[in-house]
PDB file of N, CA and C in Angstrom:
ATOM      1  N   MET A   1      23.895   5.402  13.504  1.00  0.00           N
ATOM      2  CA  MET A   1      22.621   6.031  13.582  1.00  0.00           C
ATOM      3  C   MET A   1      22.175   6.427  12.103  1.00  0.00           C
ATOM      4  N   ILE A   2      20.932   6.291  11.798  1.00  0.00           N
ATOM      5  CA  ILE A   2      20.350   6.446  10.573  1.00  0.00           C
ATOM      6  C   ILE A   2      19.752   7.910  10.577  1.00  0.00           C
ATOM      7  N   GLU A   3      20.077   8.659   9.532  1.00  0.00           N
ATOM      8  CA  GLU A   3      19.550   9.930   9.427  1.00  0.00           C
ATOM      9  C   GLU A   3      18.561   9.991   8.246  1.00  0.00           C
ATOM     10  N   PHE A   4      17.350  10.460   8.406  1.00  0.00           N
ATOM     11  CA  PHE A   4      16.374  10.385   7.500  1.00  0.00           C
ATOM     12  C   PHE A   4      15.929  11.787   7.156  1.00  0.00           C
ATOM     13  N   ALA A   5      16.536  12.404   6.244  1.00  0.00           N
ATOM     14  CA  ALA A   5      16.222  13.636   5.728  1.00  0.00           C
ATOM     15  C   ALA A   5      16.036  13.734   4.265  1.00  0.00           C
ATOM     16  N   LEU A   6      14.930  14.358   3.846  1.00  0.00           N
ATOM     17  CA  LEU A   6      14.625  14.463   2.427  1.00  0.00           C
ATOM     18  C   LEU A   6      14.566  15.938   2.102  1.00  0.00           C
ATOM     19  N   TRP A   7      15.157  16.488   1.112  1.00  0.00           N
ATOM     20  CA  TRP A   7      15.030  17.847   0.611  1.00  0.00           C
ATOM     21  C   TRP A   7      15.195  18.799   1.684  1.00  0.00           C
ATOM     22  N   GLY A   8      16.112  18.497   2.635  1.00  0.00           N
ATOM     23  CA  GLY A   8      16.308  19.549   3.630  1.00  0.00           C
ATOM     24  C   GLY A   8      15.374  19.521   4.745  1.00  0.00           C
ATOM     25  N   LEU A   9      14.383  18.576   4.806  1.00  0.00           N
ATOM     26  CA  LEU A   9      13.404  18.412   5.828  1.00  0.00           C
ATOM     27  C   LEU A   9      13.595  17.137   6.507  1.00  0.00           C
ATOM     28  N   GLY A  10      13.279  17.038   7.798  1.00  0.00           N
ATOM     29  CA  GLY A  10      13.216  15.740   8.457  1.00  0.00           C
ATOM     30  C   GLY A  10      12.310  14.785   7.816  1.00  0.00           C
ATOM     31  N   GLY A  11      12.530  13.476   7.922  1.00  0.00           N
ATOM     32  CA  GLY A  11      11.650  12.487   7.219  1.00  0.00           C
ATOM     33  C   GLY A  11      10.162  12.524   7.923  1.00  0.00           C
ATOM     34  N   ALA A  12      10.109  12.843   9.324  1.00  0.00           N
ATOM     35  CA  ALA A  12       8.786  12.899   9.874  1.00  0.00           C
ATOM     36  C   ALA A  12       7.977  14.075   9.359  1.00  0.00           C
ATOM     37  N   VAL A  13       8.613  15.179   9.021  1.00  0.00           N
ATOM     38  CA  VAL A  13       7.946  16.303   8.468  1.00  0.00           C
ATOM     39  C   VAL A  13       7.411  15.963   7.111  1.00  0.00           C
ATOM     40  N   VAL A  14       8.167  15.370   6.165  1.00  0.00           N
ATOM     41  CA  VAL A  14       7.826  14.931   4.877  1.00  0.00           C
ATOM     42  C   VAL A  14       6.797  13.897   4.843  1.00  0.00           C
ATOM     43  N   THR A  15       6.787  13.021   5.868  1.00  0.00           N
ATOM     44  CA  THR A  15       5.803  11.867   5.893  1.00  0.00           C
ATOM     45  C   THR A  15       4.523  12.592   6.280  1.00  0.00           C
ATOM     46  N   SER A  16       4.528  13.497   7.273  1.00  0.00           N
ATOM     47  CA  SER A  16       3.306  14.133   7.694  1.00  0.00           C
ATOM     48  C   SER A  16       2.678  14.868   6.664  1.00  0.00           C
ATOM     49  N   LEU A  17       3.356  15.608   5.793  1.00  0.00           N
ATOM     50  CA  LEU A  17       2.934  16.340   4.689  1.00  0.00           C
ATOM     51  C   LEU A  17       2.198  15.469   3.667  1.00  0.00           C
ATOM     52  N   VAL A  18       2.899  14.312   3.299  1.00  0.00           N
ATOM     53  CA  VAL A  18       2.451  13.459   2.390  1.00  0.00           C
ATOM     54  C   VAL A  18       1.050  12.727   2.774  1.00  0.00           C
ATOM     55  N   LEU A  19       0.975  12.482   4.069  1.00  0.00           N
ATOM     56  CA  LEU A  19      -0.088  11.967   4.660  1.00  0.00           C
ATOM     57  C   LEU A  19      -1.284  12.938   4.583  1.00  0.00           C
ATOM     58  N   GLN A  20      -1.083  14.150   5.019  1.00  0.00           N
ATOM     59  CA  GLN A  20      -2.119  15.310   4.817  1.00  0.00           C
ATOM     60  C   GLN A  20      -2.634  15.214   3.354  1.00  0.00           C
ATOM     61  N   VAL A  21      -1.660  15.219   2.490  1.00  0.00           N
ATOM     62  CA  VAL A  21      -2.284  15.297   1.048  1.00  0.00           C
ATOM     63  C   VAL A  21      -2.954  14.101   0.751  1.00  0.00           C
ATOM     64  N   VAL A  22      -2.647  12.833   1.181  1.00  0.00           N
ATOM     65  CA  VAL A  22      -3.422  11.653   0.903  1.00  0.00           C
ATOM     66  C   VAL A  22      -4.780  11.743   1.560  1.00  0.00           C
ATOM     67  N   LYS A  23      -4.789  12.249   2.750  1.00  0.00           N
ATOM     68  CA  LYS A  23      -6.109  12.333   3.501  1.00  0.00           C
ATOM     69  C   LYS A  23      -7.090  13.326   2.791  1.00  0.00           C
ATOM     70  N   GLN A  24      -6.510  14.424   2.218  1.00  0.00           N
ATOM     71  CA  GLN A  24      -7.369  15.371   1.568  1.00  0.00           C
ATOM     72  C   GLN A  24      -7.791  14.911   0.118  1.00  0.00           C
ATOM     73  N   ILE A  25      -6.994  14.198  -0.561  1.00  0.00           N
ATOM     74  CA  ILE A  25      -7.348  13.670  -1.941  1.00  0.00           C
ATOM     75  C   ILE A  25      -8.190  12.483  -1.870  1.00  0.00           C
ATOM     76  N   TRP A  26      -8.010  11.566  -0.977  1.00  0.00           N
ATOM     77  CA  TRP A  26      -8.728  10.322  -0.958  1.00  0.00           C
ATOM     78  C   TRP A  26      -9.929  10.539   0.048  1.00  0.00           C
ATOM     79  N   VAL A  27     -11.083  10.942  -0.505  1.00  0.00           N
ATOM     80  CA  VAL A  27     -12.272  11.371   0.213  1.00  0.00           C
ATOM     81  C   VAL A  27     -13.366  10.619  -0.323  1.00  0.00           C
ATOM     82  N   LYS A  28     -14.214   9.994   0.566  1.00  0.00           N
ATOM     83  CA  LYS A  28     -15.386   9.434   0.132  1.00  0.00           C
ATOM     84  C   LYS A  28     -16.682   9.994   0.821  1.00  0.00           C
ATOM     85  N   ASP A  29     -17.616  10.460   0.361  1.00  0.00           N
ATOM     86  CA  ASP A  29     -18.850  11.081   0.911  1.00  0.00           C
ATOM     87  C   ASP A  29     -18.322  12.248   1.778  1.00  0.00           C
ATOM     88  N   GLY A  30     -17.381  12.909   1.351  1.00  0.00           N
ATOM     89  CA  GLY A  30     -17.099  14.180   2.103  1.00  0.00           C
ATOM     90  C   GLY A  30     -16.186  13.970   3.329  1.00  0.00           C
ATOM     91  N   GLU A  31     -15.963  12.681   3.595  1.00  0.00           N
ATOM     92  CA  GLU A  31     -14.979  12.342   4.773  1.00  0.00           C
ATOM     93  C   GLU A  31     -13.704  11.698   4.230  1.00  0.00           C
ATOM     94  N   PRO A  32     -12.583  11.930   4.889  1.00  0.00           N
ATOM     95  CA  PRO A  32     -11.427  11.180   4.377  1.00  0.00           C
ATOM     96  C   PRO A  32     -11.487   9.779   4.634  1.00  0.00           C
ATOM     97  N   VAL A  33     -10.975   8.923   3.750  1.00  0.00           N
ATOM     98  CA  VAL A  33     -10.975   7.504   3.886  1.00  0.00           C
ATOM     99  C   VAL A  33      -9.984   7.026   4.936  1.00  0.00           C
ATOM    100  N   ILE A  34      -8.901   7.735   4.950  1.00  0.00           N
ATOM    101  CA  ILE A  34      -7.849   7.406   5.892  1.00  0.00           C
ATOM    102  C   ILE A  34      -8.097   8.286   7.206  1.00  0.00           C
ATOM    103  N   LYS A  35      -8.431   7.595   8.229  1.00  0.00           N
ATOM    104  CA  LYS A  35      -8.630   8.375   9.591  1.00  0.00           C
ATOM    105  C   LYS A  35      -8.462   7.443  10.775  1.00  0.00           C
ATOM    106  N   ASP A  36      -8.317   8.077  11.889  1.00  0.00           N
ATOM    107  CA  ASP A  36      -8.141   7.266  13.027  1.00  0.00           C
ATOM    108  C   ASP A  36      -7.064   6.233  13.023  1.00  0.00           C
ATOM    109  N   ARG A  37      -7.280   4.931  13.299  1.00  0.00           N
ATOM    110  CA  ARG A  37      -6.223   3.990  13.291  1.00  0.00           C
ATOM    111  C   ARG A  37      -5.455   3.767  11.922  1.00  0.00           C
ATOM    112  N   TRP A  38      -6.248   3.893  10.908  1.00  0.00           N
ATOM    113  CA  TRP A  38      -5.670   3.742   9.628  1.00  0.00           C
ATOM    114  C   TRP A  38      -4.691   4.848   9.176  1.00  0.00           C
ATOM    115  N   ALA A  39      -4.939   5.982   9.810  1.00  0.00           N
ATOM    116  CA  ALA A  39      -3.936   7.059   9.619  1.00  0.00           C
ATOM    117  C   ALA A  39      -2.603   6.737  10.127  1.00  0.00           C
ATOM    118  N   VAL A  40      -2.527   5.964  11.256  1.00  0.00           N
ATOM    119  CA  VAL A  40      -1.245   5.512  11.774  1.00  0.00           C
ATOM    120  C   VAL A  40      -0.534   4.538  10.813  1.00  0.00           C
ATOM    121  N   VAL A  41      -1.424   3.533  10.331  1.00  0.00           N
ATOM    122  CA  VAL A  41      -0.796   2.602   9.394  1.00  0.00           C
ATOM    123  C   VAL A  41      -0.397   3.283   8.111  1.00  0.00           C
ATOM    124  N   ALA A  42      -1.113   4.267   7.595  1.00  0.00           N
ATOM    125  CA  ALA A  42      -0.711   4.932   6.328  1.00  0.00           C
ATOM    126  C   ALA A  42       0.528   5.654   6.610  1.00  0.00           C
ATOM    127  N   ALA A  43       0.637   6.412   7.822  1.00  0.00           N
ATOM    128  CA  ALA A  43       1.940   7.113   8.106  1.00  0.00           C
ATOM    129  C   ALA A  43       3.137   6.182   8.094  1.00  0.00           C
ATOM    130  N   ILE A  44       2.906   5.013   8.626  1.00  0.00           N
ATOM    131  CA  ILE A  44       4.118   4.123   8.674  1.00  0.00           C
ATOM    132  C   ILE A  44       4.352   3.563   7.227  1.00  0.00           C
ATOM    133  N   VAL A  45       3.339   3.250   6.469  1.00  0.00           N
ATOM    134  CA  VAL A  45       3.678   2.939   5.118  1.00  0.00           C
ATOM    135  C   VAL A  45       4.297   4.012   4.250  1.00  0.00           C
ATOM    136  N   ILE A  46       3.881   5.211   4.400  1.00  0.00           N
ATOM    137  CA  ILE A  46       4.499   6.286   3.734  1.00  0.00           C
ATOM    138  C   ILE A  46       5.884   6.575   4.197  1.00  0.00           C
ATOM    139  N   GLY A  47       6.110   6.546   5.458  1.00  0.00           N
ATOM    140  CA  GLY A  47       7.417   6.657   6.055  1.00  0.00           C
ATOM    141  C   GLY A  47       8.503   5.611   5.608  1.00  0.00           C
ATOM    142  N   VAL A  48       7.986   4.327   5.468  1.00  0.00           N
ATOM    143  CA  VAL A  48       8.904   3.317   5.034  1.00  0.00           C
ATOM    144  C   VAL A  48       9.236   3.546   3.482  1.00  0.00           C
ATOM    145  N   ALA A  49       8.161   3.875   2.801  1.00  0.00           N
ATOM    146  CA  ALA A  49       8.244   4.008   1.238  1.00  0.00           C
ATOM    147  C   ALA A  49       9.330   5.292   1.029  1.00  0.00           C
ATOM    148  N   LEU A  50       9.130   6.329   1.783  1.00  0.00           N
ATOM    149  CA  LEU A  50      10.058   7.431   1.632  1.00  0.00           C
ATOM    150  C   LEU A  50      11.527   7.076   2.025  1.00  0.00           C
ATOM    151  N   SER A  51      11.603   6.323   3.114  1.00  0.00           N
ATOM    152  CA  SER A  51      12.902   5.833   3.620  1.00  0.00           C
ATOM    153  C   SER A  51      13.577   5.055   2.538  1.00  0.00           C
ATOM    154  N   VAL A  52      12.824   4.156   1.959  1.00  0.00           N
ATOM    155  CA  VAL A  52      13.275   3.122   0.841  1.00  0.00           C
ATOM    156  C   VAL A  52      13.820   4.022  -0.361  1.00  0.00           C
ATOM    157  N   ALA A  53      12.945   5.002  -0.705  1.00  0.00           N
ATOM    158  CA  ALA A  53      13.366   5.879  -1.758  1.00  0.00           C
ATOM    159  C   ALA A  53      14.617   6.684  -1.606  1.00  0.00           C
ATOM    160  N   ALA A  54      14.760   7.218  -0.347  1.00  0.00           N
ATOM    161  CA  ALA A  54      16.010   7.784  -0.036  1.00  0.00           C
ATOM    162  C   ALA A  54      17.173   6.973   0.055  1.00  0.00           C
ATOM    163  N   TYR A  55      16.912   5.697   0.422  1.00  0.00           N
ATOM    164  CA  TYR A  55      18.128   4.684   0.404  1.00  0.00           C
ATOM    165  C   TYR A  55      18.414   4.411  -1.069  1.00  0.00           C
ATOM    166  N   VAL A  56      17.452   4.163  -1.975  1.00  0.00           N
ATOM    167  CA  VAL A  56      17.738   3.827  -3.233  1.00  0.00           C
ATOM    168  C   VAL A  56      18.450   5.019  -3.904  1.00  0.00           C
ATOM    169  N   GLY A  57      17.974   6.206  -3.598  1.00  0.00           N
ATOM    170  CA  GLY A  57      18.672   7.345  -4.155  1.00  0.00           C
ATOM    171  C   GLY A  57      20.167   7.434  -3.757  1.00  0.00           C
ATOM    172  N   GLN A  58      20.435   6.936  -2.658  1.00  0.00           N
ATOM    173  CA  GLN A  58      21.933   7.040  -2.279  1.00  0.00           C
ATOM    174  C   GLN A  58      22.739   5.932  -3.075  1.00  0.00           C
ATOM    175  N   LEU A  59      22.068   4.882  -3.310  1.00  0.00           N
ATOM    176  CA  LEU A  59      22.689   3.786  -4.119  1.00  0.00           C
ATOM    177  C   LEU A  59      22.952   4.120  -5.600  1.00  0.00           C
ATOM    178  N   TYR A  60      22.047   4.914  -6.079  1.00  0.00           N
ATOM    179  CA  TYR A  60      22.035   5.099  -7.566  1.00  0.00           C
ATOM    180  C   TYR A  60      21.919   6.605  -7.835  1.00  0.00           C
ATOM    181  N   PRO A  61      22.976   7.323  -8.146  1.00  0.00           N
ATOM    182  CA  PRO A  61      22.992   8.756  -8.258  1.00  0.00           C
ATOM    183  C   PRO A  61      21.902   9.389  -9.316  1.00  0.00           C
ATOM    184  N   GLY A  62      21.590   8.459 -10.264  1.00  0.00           N
ATOM    185  CA  GLY A  62      20.601   9.006 -11.302  1.00  0.00           C
ATOM    186  C   GLY A  62      19.209   8.963 -10.545  1.00  0.00           C
ATOM    187  N   VAL A  63      18.893   8.008  -9.865  1.00  0.00           N
ATOM    188  CA  VAL A  63      17.605   8.039  -9.014  1.00  0.00           C
ATOM    189  C   VAL A  63      17.590   9.203  -8.111  1.00  0.00           C
ATOM    190  N   GLN A  64      18.738   9.515  -7.461  1.00  0.00           N
ATOM    191  CA  GLN A  64      18.575  10.649  -6.547  1.00  0.00           C
ATOM    192  C   GLN A  64      18.365  11.959  -7.214  1.00  0.00           C
ATOM    193  N   THR A  65      18.910  12.224  -8.451  1.00  0.00           N
ATOM    194  CA  THR A  65      18.670  13.331  -9.163  1.00  0.00           C
ATOM    195  C   THR A  65      17.031  13.483  -9.409  1.00  0.00           C
ATOM    196  N   TRP A  66      16.446  12.341  -9.898  1.00  0.00           N
ATOM    197  CA  TRP A  66      15.072  12.511 -10.078  1.00  0.00           C
ATOM    198  C   TRP A  66      14.185  12.601  -8.788  1.00  0.00           C
ATOM    199  N   LEU A  67      14.748  11.924  -7.717  1.00  0.00           N
ATOM    200  CA  LEU A  67      13.995  12.175  -6.381  1.00  0.00           C
ATOM    201  C   LEU A  67      14.109  13.621  -5.944  1.00  0.00           C
ATOM    202  N   ASP A  68      15.186  14.279  -6.221  1.00  0.00           N
ATOM    203  CA  ASP A  68      15.403  15.714  -5.868  1.00  0.00           C
ATOM    204  C   ASP A  68      14.420  16.581  -6.695  1.00  0.00           C
ATOM    205  N   VAL A  69      14.336  16.203  -7.887  1.00  0.00           N
ATOM    206  CA  VAL A  69      13.514  17.107  -8.788  1.00  0.00           C
ATOM    207  C   VAL A  69      12.075  16.865  -8.403  1.00  0.00           C
ATOM    208  N   ILE A  70      11.590  15.579  -8.102  1.00  0.00           N
ATOM    209  CA  ILE A  70      10.155  15.378  -7.786  1.00  0.00           C
ATOM    210  C   ILE A  70       9.958  15.946  -6.472  1.00  0.00           C
ATOM    211  N   GLY A  71      10.855  15.703  -5.562  1.00  0.00           N
ATOM    212  CA  GLY A  71      10.607  16.227  -4.131  1.00  0.00           C
ATOM    213  C   GLY A  71      10.509  17.689  -4.058  1.00  0.00           C
ATOM    214  N   ALA A  72      11.502  18.390  -4.825  1.00  0.00           N
ATOM    215  CA  ALA A  72      11.429  19.926  -4.750  1.00  0.00           C
ATOM    216  C   ALA A  72      10.100  20.436  -5.358  1.00  0.00           C
ATOM    217  N   GLY A  73       9.582  19.720  -6.430  1.00  0.00           N
ATOM    218  CA  GLY A  73       8.421  20.161  -6.996  1.00  0.00           C
ATOM    219  C   GLY A  73       7.106  19.928  -6.093  1.00  0.00           C
ATOM    220  N   ALA A  74       7.218  18.716  -5.416  1.00  0.00           N
ATOM    221  CA  ALA A  74       6.101  18.317  -4.606  1.00  0.00           C
ATOM    222  C   ALA A  74       6.028  19.366  -3.353  1.00  0.00           C
ATOM    223  N   LEU A  75       7.267  19.622  -2.767  1.00  0.00           N
ATOM    224  CA  LEU A  75       7.333  20.560  -1.643  1.00  0.00           C
ATOM    225  C   LEU A  75       6.890  22.037  -2.067  1.00  0.00           C
ATOM    226  N   ALA A  76       7.322  22.348  -3.215  1.00  0.00           N
ATOM    227  CA  ALA A  76       6.800  23.673  -3.716  1.00  0.00           C
ATOM    228  C   ALA A  76       5.389  23.761  -3.929  1.00  0.00           C
ATOM    229  N   GLY A  77       4.725  22.626  -4.433  1.00  0.00           N
ATOM    230  CA  GLY A  77       3.209  22.568  -4.446  1.00  0.00           C
ATOM    231  C   GLY A  77       2.606  22.584  -3.133  1.00  0.00           C
ATOM    232  N   LEU A  78       3.082  21.788  -2.170  1.00  0.00           N
ATOM    233  CA  LEU A  78       2.648  21.905  -0.835  1.00  0.00           C
ATOM    234  C   LEU A  78       2.582  23.212  -0.179  1.00  0.00           C
ATOM    235  N   VAL A  79       3.660  23.924  -0.337  1.00  0.00           N
ATOM    236  CA  VAL A  79       3.852  25.248   0.242  1.00  0.00           C
ATOM    237  C   VAL A  79       2.754  26.173  -0.542  1.00  0.00           C
ATOM    238  N   ALA A  80       2.802  26.059  -1.813  1.00  0.00           N
ATOM    239  CA  ALA A  80       1.774  26.904  -2.545  1.00  0.00           C
ATOM    240  C   ALA A  80       0.307  26.607  -2.032  1.00  0.00           C
ATOM    241  N   CYS A  81       0.065  25.422  -1.800  1.00  0.00           N
ATOM    242  CA  CYS A  81      -1.356  24.963  -1.369  1.00  0.00           C
ATOM    243  C   CYS A  81      -1.616  25.394  -0.016  1.00  0.00           C
ATOM    244  N   GLY A  82      -0.586  25.688   0.863  1.00  0.00           N
ATOM    245  CA  GLY A  82      -0.886  25.995   2.307  1.00  0.00           C
ATOM    246  C   GLY A  82      -0.950  24.747   3.230  1.00  0.00           C
ATOM    247  N   LEU A  83      -0.648  23.486   2.608  1.00  0.00           N
ATOM    248  CA  LEU A  83      -0.898  22.351   3.455  1.00  0.00           C
ATOM    249  C   LEU A  83       0.186  22.110   4.463  1.00  0.00           C
ATOM    250  N   TYR A  84       1.290  22.872   4.402  1.00  0.00           N
ATOM    251  CA  TYR A  84       2.299  22.855   5.465  1.00  0.00           C
ATOM    252  C   TYR A  84       1.879  23.436   6.733  1.00  0.00           C
ATOM    253  N   SER A  85       0.834  24.173   6.718  1.00  0.00           N
ATOM    254  CA  SER A  85       0.343  24.824   7.982  1.00  0.00           C
ATOM    255  C   SER A  85      -0.705  24.010   8.782  1.00  0.00           C
ATOM    256  N   ALA A  86      -0.457  23.882  10.007  1.00  0.00           N
ATOM    257  CA  ALA A  86      -1.481  23.131  10.787  1.00  0.00           C
ATOM    258  C   ALA A  86      -2.484  24.007  11.290  1.00  0.00           C
ATOM    259  N   THR A  87      -2.487  25.203  10.979  1.00  0.00           N
ATOM    260  CA  THR A  87      -3.520  26.191  11.466  1.00  0.00           C
ATOM    261  C   THR A  87      -4.569  26.408  10.435  1.00  0.00           C
ATOM    262  N   LYS A  88      -4.523  25.714   9.357  1.00  0.00           N
ATOM    263  CA  LYS A  88      -5.478  25.847   8.232  1.00  0.00           C
ATOM    264  C   LYS A  88      -6.842  25.412   8.749  1.00  0.00           C
ATOM    265  N   PRO A  89      -7.902  26.303   8.588  1.00  0.00           N
ATOM    266  CA  PRO A  89      -9.134  25.945   9.087  1.00  0.00           C
ATOM    267  C   PRO A  89      -9.801  24.716   8.205  1.00  0.00           C
ATOM    268  N   ARG A  90     -10.423  23.811   8.974  1.00  0.00           N
ATOM    269  CA  ARG A  90     -10.975  22.664   8.408  1.00  0.00           C
ATOM    270  C   ARG A  90     -12.554  22.772   8.362  1.00  0.00           C
ATOM    271  N   PRO A  91     -13.241  22.341   7.229  1.00  0.00           N
ATOM    272  CA  PRO A  91     -14.622  22.488   7.102  1.00  0.00           C
ATOM    273  C   PRO A  91     -15.299  21.631   8.133  1.00  0.00           C
TER     274      PRO A  91
END
Protein backbone atom coordinates (compact mmCIF):
# COMPACT_ATOMS: atom_id res chain seq x y z
CA MET A 1 0.00 0.00 0.00
CA ILE A 2 1.30 3.43 -0.92
CA GLU A 3 1.02 6.20 1.64
CA PHE A 4 1.03 9.69 0.25
CA ALA A 5 1.52 12.25 2.99
CA LEU A 6 3.44 15.48 2.77
CA TRP A 7 4.33 17.65 5.73
CA GLY A 8 1.90 15.84 8.00
CA LEU A 9 -1.05 16.24 5.65
CA GLY A 10 -2.62 13.77 3.29
CA GLY A 11 -1.68 14.08 -0.35
CA ALA A 12 -5.26 14.89 -1.34
CA VAL A 13 -5.34 17.84 1.06
CA VAL A 14 -2.04 19.25 -0.22
CA THR A 15 -3.15 18.73 -3.83
CA SER A 16 -6.40 20.56 -3.15
CA LEU A 17 -4.56 23.47 -1.51
CA VAL A 18 -2.13 23.79 -4.41
CA LEU A 19 -5.00 23.62 -6.93
CA GLN A 20 -6.83 26.43 -5.13
CA VAL A 21 -3.70 28.58 -5.21
CA VAL A 22 -3.23 27.96 -8.93
CA LYS A 23 -6.90 28.78 -9.61
CA GLN A 24 -6.64 32.07 -7.72
CA ILE A 25 -3.33 33.11 -9.26
CA TRP A 26 -4.01 32.10 -12.88
CA VAL A 27 -6.87 34.45 -13.74
CA LYS A 28 -7.89 35.95 -17.08
CA ASP A 29 -10.57 38.65 -17.32
CA GLY A 30 -11.51 38.12 -13.68
CA GLU A 31 -12.23 34.40 -14.16
CA PRO A 32 -9.95 31.49 -13.24
CA VAL A 33 -8.38 29.89 -16.29
CA ILE A 34 -8.65 26.45 -14.70
CA LYS A 35 -12.26 25.49 -14.12
CA ASP A 36 -14.78 22.75 -14.76
CA ARG A 37 -13.17 19.75 -16.49
CA TRP A 38 -9.73 21.34 -16.58
CA ALA A 39 -9.72 21.54 -12.80
CA VAL A 40 -9.87 17.74 -12.73
CA VAL A 41 -6.95 17.48 -15.13
CA ALA A 42 -4.98 20.08 -13.16
CA ALA A 43 -5.66 18.22 -9.89
CA ILE A 44 -4.35 14.98 -11.39
CA VAL A 45 -1.22 16.69 -12.76
CA ILE A 46 -0.56 18.41 -9.42
CA GLY A 47 -1.15 15.17 -7.50
CA VAL A 48 1.27 13.25 -9.73
CA ALA A 49 3.90 16.02 -9.47
CA LEU A 50 3.64 16.07 -5.67
CA SER A 51 3.79 12.28 -5.52
CA VAL A 52 6.91 12.21 -7.69
CA ALA A 53 8.48 14.93 -5.50
CA ALA A 54 7.73 12.88 -2.37
CA TYR A 55 9.22 9.76 -3.96
CA VAL A 56 12.37 11.56 -5.09
CA GLY A 57 12.66 13.01 -1.59
CA GLN A 58 12.71 9.49 -0.16
CA LEU A 59 15.46 8.45 -2.58
CA TYR A 60 17.70 11.45 -1.91
CA PRO A 61 17.85 12.80 1.67
CA GLY A 62 19.18 16.19 0.51
CA VAL A 63 16.16 16.67 -1.70
CA GLN A 64 13.85 15.68 1.18
CA THR A 65 15.38 18.41 3.33
CA TRP A 66 14.62 21.04 0.71
CA LEU A 67 11.12 19.65 0.08
CA ASP A 68 10.45 19.92 3.82
CA VAL A 69 11.66 23.53 3.93
CA ILE A 70 9.71 24.58 0.83
CA GLY A 71 6.58 22.65 1.89
CA ALA A 72 6.56 24.05 5.40
CA GLY A 73 6.92 27.58 4.06
CA ALA A 74 4.20 27.07 1.47
CA LEU A 75 1.80 25.63 4.04
CA ALA A 76 2.52 28.48 6.44
CA GLY A 77 1.75 30.93 3.63
CA LEU A 78 -1.49 29.12 2.79
CA VAL A 79 -2.61 29.23 6.39
CA ALA A 80 -1.73 32.91 6.66
CA CYS A 81 -3.75 33.68 3.52
CA GLY A 82 -6.73 31.69 4.71
CA LEU A 83 -6.75 29.50 1.59
CA TYR A 84 -7.11 26.38 3.73
CA SER A 85 -10.70 27.34 4.55
CA ALA A 86 -13.50 26.19 2.30
CA THR A 87 -15.82 28.77 3.83
CA LYS A 88 -13.98 31.78 2.44
CA PRO A 89 -16.51 34.00 0.66
CA ARG A 90 -16.00 34.20 -3.08
CA PRO A 91 -16.64 37.37 -5.13
